[in-house]
Amino acid sequence: MVARAVLLPVLLLAAGAARAATLEVGPQRAFQQPSAALLKADDGDTIAIDPGDYFDCLRVRVNRLTIVGSGPGVVLTDTACDGKALIVAAADDLVLRNLTLQRVRVPDGNGAGIRAEGRNLTVDHVRFINNQSGIITTDSPDSVIRITDSTFTDNGVCNGPRCAHALVFGAVARVRIEKSVITGTRGAHQIVTSARLTELQGDRIEDGEKGSASFQVLVPSGGSLVMEDCVVQKGPNAANTRAAVMLDGEVTGKLVFRRNRFINDTGTPMPFIRNWTNYAPVMDANVIAAGDSDVSSGGWLANRGWAVLSQVKRTVGKVIDLGKRVAHKVLPI
């Protein structure tokens, strides 16, 4: 009886593993479009896509799904699901590999290659080209985002006066971007992250010749940031010359910058980092040209003053509104 009790869970586990399937997509396959394969996919399956251009988008609702290009030149293009992205992932543990995601446009200006609305996303060797945004994630406190060997080219496309960011990470546990290139962002920021920990390892984050990003990296809410072995460039058309990396908020973790190279092609001296946090970053072996500086806290006092003034205005407005409602009830017109 003991042996049977131990054996039954093992058999059930093996049966569950056996159900994982590979669904093949391509002109000569059972599924001609990735979305058709996705309709048949179960948790843990793999969708393998043959090279070609697919005017298609994906609503991912199954967990532990892998979507992989089976050769070079697998392109999803020009289509958005739910007015959001080429791939809208409302599921956990999605893996994307060997794909190109390009030319997404939606009315609100935030059309992304990927909109991650679940937990945990792995992106490996994926190209994001000319989207309004590359990746947008929603808040998910225990989610981990991993991006490796990927490129983000000419994302952050402007829609009238509004410009999207190339990469936007909500309040997640961890973001790690490794050996990737982010270039050509126009108008907004290249990386905006509210993760508790963001790790940038061996990346190139640059304007190039035509990019006009505001900040290369913006950490607005006090998250930890570790940046090592990266090349960070402000181009001649940069939207501001305040810094490449902007840090703000109350830091409860760490800020570490090691062996990075800062290239300033704006013609205006500037700091590599503008630090408006409560924490002094660790700086080690970074390469910064003469005339530029490593860290500045300039503008902190004015920024705090505006924040306090804005809060006072909001509070006064609420008090006035409450007074009007009370007066209306006491002395109805």
Protein backbone atom coordinates (compact mmCIF):
# COMPACT_ATOMS: atom_id res chain seq x y z
CA MET A 1 0.00 0.00 0.00
CA VAL A 2 2.85 2.38 0.78
CA ALA A 3 4.47 1.68 -2.60
CA ARG A 4 1.22 2.42 -4.43
CA ALA A 5 0.75 5.67 -2.48
CA VAL A 6 4.20 6.84 -3.53
CA LEU A 7 3.85 5.66 -7.13
CA LEU A 8 0.53 7.35 -7.88
CA PRO A 9 1.77 10.98 -7.60
CA VAL A 10 4.81 10.09 -9.72
CA LEU A 11 2.56 8.65 -12.47
CA LEU A 12 0.33 11.70 -12.35
CA LEU A 13 3.36 13.99 -12.66
CA ALA A 14 4.66 12.00 -15.63
CA ALA A 15 1.26 12.16 -17.31
CA GLY A 16 1.16 15.93 -16.85
CA ALA A 17 4.63 16.30 -18.39
CA ALA A 18 3.62 14.09 -21.34
CA ARG A 19 0.78 16.40 -22.23
CA ALA A 20 3.15 19.27 -23.15
CA ALA A 21 3.07 19.60 -26.92
CA THR A 22 4.84 21.52 -29.69
CA LEU A 23 2.45 23.25 -32.08
CA GLU A 24 4.09 24.14 -35.40
CA VAL A 25 3.17 27.26 -37.37
CA GLY A 26 3.97 28.05 -40.99
CA PRO A 27 2.62 28.01 -44.55
CA GLN A 28 3.03 24.23 -44.77
CA ARG A 29 2.11 23.45 -41.15
CA ALA A 30 -1.13 22.52 -39.44
CA PHE A 31 -1.43 26.14 -38.25
CA GLN A 32 -0.84 28.97 -40.71
CA GLN A 33 -0.96 31.73 -38.07
CA PRO A 34 0.51 31.84 -34.53
CA SER A 35 -2.86 32.90 -33.08
CA ALA A 36 -4.49 29.74 -34.50
CA ALA A 37 -1.94 27.58 -32.69
CA LEU A 38 -2.41 29.56 -29.51
CA LEU A 39 -6.13 28.72 -29.48
CA LYS A 40 -5.16 25.05 -29.14
CA ALA A 41 -2.28 25.51 -26.68
CA ASP A 42 -2.31 24.27 -23.09
CA ASP A 43 -0.14 25.09 -20.10
CA GLY A 44 3.49 24.16 -20.73
CA ASP A 45 3.22 23.90 -24.53
CA THR A 46 5.60 25.31 -27.14
CA ILE A 47 4.58 27.19 -30.28
CA ALA A 48 7.32 26.89 -32.93
CA ILE A 49 7.01 29.36 -35.82
CA ASP A 50 8.62 28.94 -39.23
CA PRO A 51 10.40 31.96 -40.80
CA GLY A 52 8.13 34.47 -42.49
CA ASP A 53 6.08 37.62 -41.92
CA TYR A 54 2.93 37.16 -39.83
CA PHE A 55 0.38 39.95 -39.68
CA ASP A 56 -0.96 38.52 -36.47
CA CYS A 57 -1.15 39.19 -32.74
CA LEU A 58 -1.37 36.90 -29.71
CA ARG A 59 -3.50 36.92 -26.56
CA VAL A 60 -1.62 34.56 -24.22
CA ARG A 61 -3.89 33.02 -21.57
CA VAL A 62 -2.01 29.77 -20.82
CA ASN A 63 0.87 29.50 -18.34
CA ARG A 64 4.44 28.32 -18.98
CA LEU A 65 4.08 28.83 -22.72
CA THR A 66 7.16 29.07 -24.96
CA ILE A 67 6.91 30.89 -28.30
CA VAL A 68 10.01 30.36 -30.43
CA GLY A 69 11.15 31.10 -33.95
CA SER A 70 12.34 27.89 -35.54
CA GLY A 71 14.75 29.80 -37.79
CA PRO A 72 15.89 33.35 -38.56
CA GLY A 73 13.38 35.87 -39.86
CA VAL A 74 10.26 35.08 -37.82
CA VAL A 75 8.45 38.44 -37.86
CA LEU A 76 5.20 39.45 -36.14
CA THR A 77 4.21 42.82 -37.51
CA ASP A 78 1.69 45.67 -37.83
CA THR A 79 -1.04 44.18 -35.63
CA ALA A 80 -2.17 44.81 -32.04
CA CYS A 81 -4.48 42.78 -29.83
CA ASP A 82 -6.91 44.67 -27.60
CA GLY A 83 -5.40 48.00 -28.65
CA LYS A 84 -2.26 47.10 -26.65
CA ALA A 85 0.46 44.98 -28.25
CA LEU A 86 1.52 42.29 -30.67
CA ILE A 87 1.71 39.93 -27.68
CA VAL A 88 -0.63 40.54 -24.73
CA ALA A 89 0.40 38.15 -21.96
CA ALA A 90 -2.21 37.76 -19.22
CA ALA A 91 -0.54 34.56 -18.04
CA ASP A 92 2.51 33.48 -16.04
CA ASP A 93 5.97 32.28 -17.07
CA LEU A 94 5.94 33.22 -20.74
CA VAL A 95 9.15 32.57 -22.72
CA LEU A 96 9.82 34.29 -26.08
CA ARG A 97 12.81 33.37 -28.20
CA ASN A 98 14.18 34.15 -31.69
CA LEU A 99 11.45 36.54 -32.85
CA THR A 100 11.11 39.99 -34.40
CA LEU A 101 8.25 42.20 -33.17
CA GLN A 102 7.74 45.36 -35.20
CA ARG A 103 5.64 48.36 -36.28
CA VAL A 104 2.91 48.37 -33.63
CA ARG A 105 0.63 51.42 -33.55
CA VAL A 106 -2.45 51.96 -31.36
CA PRO A 107 -4.60 55.07 -30.80
CA ASP A 108 -3.34 55.84 -27.27
CA GLY A 109 0.29 55.87 -28.44
CA ASN A 110 1.47 52.95 -26.28
CA GLY A 111 1.43 50.12 -28.80
CA ALA A 112 4.03 47.60 -27.61
CA GLY A 113 5.79 44.55 -28.86
CA ILE A 114 4.83 42.92 -25.56
CA ARG A 115 2.32 43.94 -22.90
CA ALA A 116 3.08 41.71 -19.88
CA GLU A 117 0.11 41.52 -17.53
CA GLY A 118 0.98 38.28 -15.75
CA ARG A 119 3.93 37.05 -13.70
CA ASN A 120 7.41 36.33 -15.05
CA LEU A 121 8.57 36.99 -18.59
CA THR A 122 11.71 35.71 -20.33
CA VAL A 123 12.82 37.37 -23.57
CA ASP A 124 15.80 35.83 -25.36
CA HIS A 125 17.19 36.96 -28.70
CA VAL A 126 14.14 39.01 -29.68
CA ARG A 127 14.25 42.12 -31.87
CA PHE A 128 11.86 45.03 -31.26
CA ILE A 129 11.79 47.44 -34.21
CA ASN A 130 9.86 50.68 -34.69
CA ASN A 131 7.09 50.10 -32.15
CA GLN A 132 5.51 52.83 -30.09
CA SER A 133 6.99 50.93 -27.12
CA GLY A 134 9.06 47.78 -26.89
CA ILE A 135 7.84 46.20 -23.65
CA ILE A 136 5.32 47.44 -21.09
CA THR A 137 4.67 45.52 -17.89
CA THR A 138 1.92 46.11 -15.36
CA ASP A 139 2.43 46.02 -11.58
CA SER A 140 3.05 42.50 -10.26
CA PRO A 141 5.02 42.53 -6.98
CA ASP A 142 6.61 39.07 -7.28
CA SER A 143 7.18 39.05 -11.05
CA VAL A 144 10.65 38.66 -12.59
CA ILE A 145 11.51 40.00 -16.06
CA ARG A 146 14.60 38.62 -17.84
CA ILE A 147 15.83 40.03 -21.17
CA THR A 148 18.95 38.60 -22.84
CA ASP A 149 20.71 39.19 -26.17
CA SER A 150 17.85 41.33 -27.49
CA THR A 151 17.69 44.59 -29.44
CA PHE A 152 15.30 47.52 -29.21
CA THR A 153 15.65 49.75 -32.26
CA ASP A 154 13.69 52.96 -32.95
CA ASN A 155 11.04 52.24 -30.32
CA GLY A 156 9.49 55.07 -28.31
CA VAL A 157 7.70 56.35 -31.40
CA CYS A 158 5.86 59.65 -31.02
CA ASN A 159 2.12 59.99 -31.61
CA GLY A 160 1.63 63.72 -32.14
CA PRO A 161 3.05 65.56 -29.10
CA ARG A 162 3.10 62.36 -27.00
CA CYS A 163 6.05 59.97 -27.10
CA ALA A 164 6.10 56.51 -25.56
CA HIS A 165 9.08 55.01 -23.72
CA ALA A 166 11.11 52.18 -25.23
CA LEU A 167 10.82 49.99 -22.12
CA VAL A 168 8.45 50.48 -19.18
CA PHE A 169 8.50 48.22 -16.13
CA GLY A 170 5.86 48.55 -13.43
CA ALA A 171 6.21 47.63 -9.76
CA VAL A 172 7.72 44.16 -10.21
CA ALA A 173 10.25 42.29 -8.08
CA ARG A 174 13.19 42.22 -10.49
CA VAL A 175 14.21 43.27 -13.99
CA ARG A 176 17.43 41.96 -15.51
CA ILE A 177 18.56 43.14 -18.95
CA GLU A 178 21.75 41.48 -20.15
CA LYS A 179 23.86 41.86 -23.31
CA SER A 180 21.13 43.83 -25.06
CA VAL A 181 21.01 47.02 -27.14
CA ILE A 182 18.49 49.85 -26.76
CA THR A 183 18.93 52.54 -29.42
CA GLY A 184 17.14 55.21 -31.42
CA THR A 185 14.45 56.11 -28.88
CA ARG A 186 12.78 59.38 -29.85
CA GLY A 187 11.41 61.92 -27.38
CA ALA A 188 10.73 59.95 -24.21
CA HIS A 189 12.92 57.69 -22.03
CA GLN A 190 14.72 54.52 -23.03
CA ILE A 191 14.20 52.54 -19.81
CA VAL A 192 11.67 53.48 -17.11
CA THR A 193 11.66 51.04 -14.21
CA SER A 194 9.73 50.88 -10.95
CA ALA A 195 11.08 47.41 -10.12
CA ARG A 196 12.40 46.76 -6.63
CA LEU A 197 15.67 45.71 -8.28
CA THR A 198 16.84 46.50 -11.80
CA GLU A 199 20.05 44.93 -13.11
CA LEU A 200 21.65 46.16 -16.33
CA GLN A 201 24.58 43.96 -17.32
CA GLY A 202 26.73 44.48 -20.41
CA ASP A 203 24.14 46.52 -22.31
CA ARG A 204 24.41 49.36 -24.84
CA ILE A 205 21.87 52.09 -24.09
CA GLU A 206 22.35 54.80 -26.65
CA ASP A 207 20.68 57.50 -28.71
CA GLY A 208 22.77 56.84 -31.78
CA GLU A 209 22.56 59.50 -34.48
CA LYS A 210 18.78 59.93 -34.68
CA GLY A 211 17.60 59.08 -31.18
CA SER A 212 16.36 61.89 -28.96
CA ALA A 213 15.64 60.25 -25.63
CA SER A 214 15.15 62.30 -22.51
CA PHE A 215 16.87 59.90 -20.07
CA GLN A 216 18.55 56.63 -20.94
CA VAL A 217 17.48 55.18 -17.59
CA LEU A 218 14.82 56.62 -15.27
CA VAL A 219 14.19 55.12 -11.81
CA PRO A 220 11.36 57.31 -10.46
CA SER A 221 10.29 55.49 -7.31
CA GLY A 222 13.35 54.56 -5.29
CA GLY A 223 14.09 51.10 -6.68
CA SER A 224 17.53 49.52 -6.46
CA LEU A 225 19.68 49.76 -9.59
CA VAL A 226 22.84 47.81 -10.41
CA MET A 227 24.47 48.85 -13.70
CA GLU A 228 27.69 47.10 -14.70
CA ASP A 229 29.78 46.97 -17.89
CA CYS A 230 27.32 49.08 -19.89
CA VAL A 231 27.90 51.71 -22.57
CA VAL A 232 25.55 54.68 -22.15
CA GLN A 233 25.42 57.40 -24.83
CA LYS A 234 23.62 60.74 -25.03
CA GLY A 235 23.33 61.68 -28.68
CA PRO A 236 23.47 65.05 -30.46
CA ASN A 237 19.63 65.24 -30.55
CA ALA A 238 19.02 64.33 -26.89
CA ALA A 239 15.82 65.80 -25.46
CA ASN A 240 17.65 67.01 -22.34
CA THR A 241 21.20 67.52 -21.15
CA ARG A 242 20.52 67.00 -17.43
CA ALA A 243 21.97 63.46 -17.22
CA ALA A 244 21.86 59.99 -18.78
CA VAL A 245 20.57 58.24 -15.64
CA MET A 246 17.90 59.84 -13.42
CA LEU A 247 17.30 58.49 -9.89
CA ASP A 248 14.47 59.62 -7.64
CA GLY A 249 12.51 58.42 -4.59
CA GLU A 250 13.43 56.88 -1.25
CA VAL A 251 15.91 54.07 -1.83
CA THR A 252 15.74 51.10 0.55
CA GLY A 253 18.16 48.88 -1.39
CA LYS A 254 21.27 49.75 -3.37
CA LEU A 255 22.59 51.88 -6.23
CA VAL A 256 25.74 50.47 -7.81
CA PHE A 257 27.56 51.58 -10.98
CA ARG A 258 30.67 49.63 -12.02
CA ARG A 259 32.83 49.68 -15.16
CA ASN A 260 30.34 51.63 -17.27
CA ARG A 261 31.33 54.00 -20.06
CA PHE A 262 29.44 57.28 -20.44
CA ILE A 263 29.59 58.94 -23.88
CA ASN A 264 28.26 62.49 -24.14
CA ASP A 265 27.77 63.63 -27.75
CA THR A 266 25.49 66.57 -26.95
CA GLY A 267 28.25 69.18 -26.82
CA THR A 268 27.10 70.24 -23.33
CA PRO A 269 28.91 69.00 -20.20
CA MET A 270 26.65 66.96 -17.92
CA PRO A 271 26.69 64.35 -15.16
CA PHE A 272 26.38 60.67 -15.94
CA ILE A 273 23.88 60.34 -13.05
CA ARG A 274 21.49 62.84 -11.50
CA ASN A 275 20.66 61.56 -8.05
CA TRP A 276 17.59 62.91 -6.25
CA THR A 277 17.36 59.99 -3.84
CA ASN A 278 18.34 59.71 -0.18
CA TYR A 279 21.20 57.35 -1.05
CA ALA A 280 24.72 57.92 -2.35
CA PRO A 281 25.45 55.51 -5.21
CA VAL A 282 28.51 53.30 -5.26
CA MET A 283 30.73 54.35 -8.18
CA ASP A 284 33.58 52.07 -9.28
CA ALA A 285 35.83 52.20 -12.36
CA ASN A 286 33.37 54.04 -14.61
CA VAL A 287 34.83 55.81 -17.66
CA ILE A 288 33.66 59.43 -17.94
CA ALA A 289 35.20 62.00 -20.27
CA ALA A 290 36.86 65.17 -19.03
CA GLY A 291 34.31 67.96 -18.64
CA ASP A 292 31.52 65.60 -17.62
CA SER A 293 30.96 64.42 -14.05
CA ASP A 294 29.88 61.21 -12.42
CA VAL A 295 27.03 62.22 -10.06
CA SER A 296 25.08 65.42 -9.41
CA SER A 297 22.20 66.18 -7.06
CA GLY A 298 21.50 69.51 -8.74
CA GLY A 299 17.84 70.49 -8.93
CA TRP A 300 16.84 68.34 -5.95
CA LEU A 301 15.66 71.26 -3.81
CA ALA A 302 13.61 72.85 -6.59
CA ASN A 303 12.05 69.49 -7.43
CA ARG A 304 11.03 68.92 -3.81
CA GLY A 305 9.65 72.44 -3.62
CA TRP A 306 7.44 71.86 -6.66
CA ALA A 307 6.29 68.52 -5.24
CA VAL A 308 5.28 70.14 -1.94
CA LEU A 309 3.54 73.01 -3.75
CA SER A 310 1.62 70.57 -5.95
CA GLN A 311 0.51 68.59 -2.90
CA VAL A 312 -0.65 71.77 -1.16
CA LYS A 313 -2.63 72.80 -4.25
CA ARG A 314 -4.30 69.38 -4.40
CA THR A 315 -5.16 69.51 -0.70
CA VAL A 316 -6.57 73.03 -0.93
CA GLY A 317 -8.61 72.03 -3.96
CA LYS A 318 -10.11 69.08 -2.06
CA VAL A 319 -10.96 71.31 0.93
CA ILE A 320 -12.64 73.89 -1.32
CA ASP A 321 -14.59 71.17 -3.12
CA LEU A 322 -15.71 69.66 0.19
CA GLY A 323 -16.77 73.08 1.45
CA LYS A 324 -18.86 73.66 -1.67
CA ARG A 325 -20.62 70.32 -1.28
CA VAL A 326 -21.36 70.95 2.41
CA ALA A 327 -22.65 74.45 1.68
CA HIS A 328 -24.87 73.13 -1.09
CA LYS A 329 -26.47 70.64 1.31
CA VAL A 330 -26.94 73.17 4.11
CA LEU A 331 -28.11 76.00 1.87
CA PRO A 332 -29.59 74.37 -1.24
CA ILE A 333 -30.18 76.68 -4.15
